[in-house]
Amino acid sequence: MLVLARKLHESIRIGDEIEVSVVEIKGDQVKLGIKAPSRITVHRQEVYDAIQRENVSAADTEPSRVPSLEGIMPPRQP
């Protein structure tokens, strides 16, 4: 892990497309601004973890439940 010290209104760059700036410092809280292309998703860690758990849960479908989807899904085209 790279650890950098930054002051208010200073930035770091990640590659050519991502900039992380210190926007505000209040007590023990630091607010960061992140500029990145829209194709790059940016999430707080706890949100990212929740998305990963949901993806694993969605992929863990019991094969016995698949036939019940036949009435919901349109027929497969050849």
Protein backbone atom coordinates (compact mmCIF):
# COMPACT_ATOMS: atom_id res chain seq x y z
CA MET A 1 0.00 0.00 0.00
CA LEU A 2 1.27 3.44 -0.91
CA VAL A 3 0.67 6.03 1.83
CA LEU A 4 0.80 9.72 0.91
CA ALA A 5 0.36 12.86 2.99
CA ARG A 6 -1.72 15.64 1.42
CA LYS A 7 -2.91 18.99 2.70
CA LEU A 8 -6.21 20.74 2.03
CA HIS A 9 -6.76 21.32 -1.72
CA GLU A 10 -3.82 19.10 -2.68
CA SER A 11 -4.31 16.12 -5.00
CA ILE A 12 -2.86 12.84 -6.11
CA ARG A 13 -3.15 11.28 -9.58
CA ILE A 14 -3.86 7.65 -10.31
CA GLY A 15 -2.75 7.00 -13.85
CA ASP A 16 -3.71 9.61 -16.42
CA GLU A 17 -7.45 9.66 -15.70
CA ILE A 18 -8.09 9.72 -11.95
CA GLU A 19 -7.51 12.62 -9.58
CA VAL A 20 -8.17 12.45 -5.84
CA SER A 21 -8.26 15.80 -4.00
CA VAL A 22 -8.57 16.72 -0.33
CA VAL A 23 -11.68 18.93 -0.31
CA GLU A 24 -12.26 19.46 3.41
CA ILE A 25 -10.79 18.50 6.77
CA LYS A 26 -12.96 18.71 9.90
CA GLY A 27 -11.68 17.10 13.08
CA ASP A 28 -11.02 13.44 12.33
CA GLN A 29 -12.97 13.46 9.04
CA VAL A 30 -11.43 14.10 5.63
CA LYS A 31 -13.60 14.72 2.56
CA LEU A 32 -12.13 13.63 -0.74
CA GLY A 33 -13.14 14.65 -4.24
CA ILE A 34 -12.62 12.10 -6.99
CA LYS A 35 -12.50 12.95 -10.70
CA ALA A 36 -12.66 9.87 -12.91
CA PRO A 37 -14.19 8.91 -16.26
CA SER A 38 -17.80 7.71 -15.99
CA ARG A 39 -16.76 4.23 -17.14
CA ILE A 40 -14.83 3.81 -13.86
CA THR A 41 -17.01 3.00 -10.86
CA VAL A 42 -16.14 4.62 -7.55
CA HIS A 43 -17.69 3.29 -4.32
CA ARG A 44 -17.08 3.61 -0.61
CA GLN A 45 -15.56 0.35 0.66
CA GLU A 46 -18.69 -0.71 2.57
CA VAL A 47 -20.85 -0.18 -0.55
CA TYR A 48 -18.40 -2.14 -2.69
CA ASP A 49 -18.43 -5.00 -0.15
CA ALA A 50 -22.25 -5.06 -0.15
CA ILE A 51 -22.32 -5.20 -3.97
CA GLN A 52 -19.87 -8.10 -3.94
CA ARG A 53 -21.97 -10.01 -1.38
CA GLU A 54 -25.11 -9.47 -3.48
CA ASN A 55 -23.32 -10.68 -6.62
CA VAL A 56 -22.18 -13.85 -4.87
CA SER A 57 -25.68 -14.40 -3.51
CA ALA A 58 -27.27 -13.90 -6.94
CA ALA A 59 -24.84 -16.34 -8.54
CA ASP A 60 -25.61 -18.97 -5.90
CA THR A 61 -28.94 -20.03 -7.42
CA GLU A 62 -30.06 -23.59 -6.84
CA PRO A 63 -30.36 -25.51 -10.14
CA SER A 64 -33.79 -26.77 -9.02
CA ARG A 65 -35.11 -23.17 -9.22
CA VAL A 66 -34.10 -22.65 -12.87
CA PRO A 67 -37.22 -24.31 -14.39
CA SER A 68 -39.42 -21.83 -12.51
CA LEU A 69 -37.87 -19.05 -14.58
CA GLU A 70 -39.30 -20.45 -17.82
CA GLY A 71 -42.54 -18.52 -17.44
CA ILE A 72 -40.69 -15.29 -16.76
CA MET A 73 -37.96 -15.39 -19.37
CA PRO A 74 -38.76 -15.09 -23.08
CA PRO A 75 -37.99 -18.20 -25.16
CA ARG A 76 -34.41 -18.47 -26.38
CA GLN A 77 -34.02 -17.55 -30.06
CA PRO A 78 -31.96 -19.99 -32.17
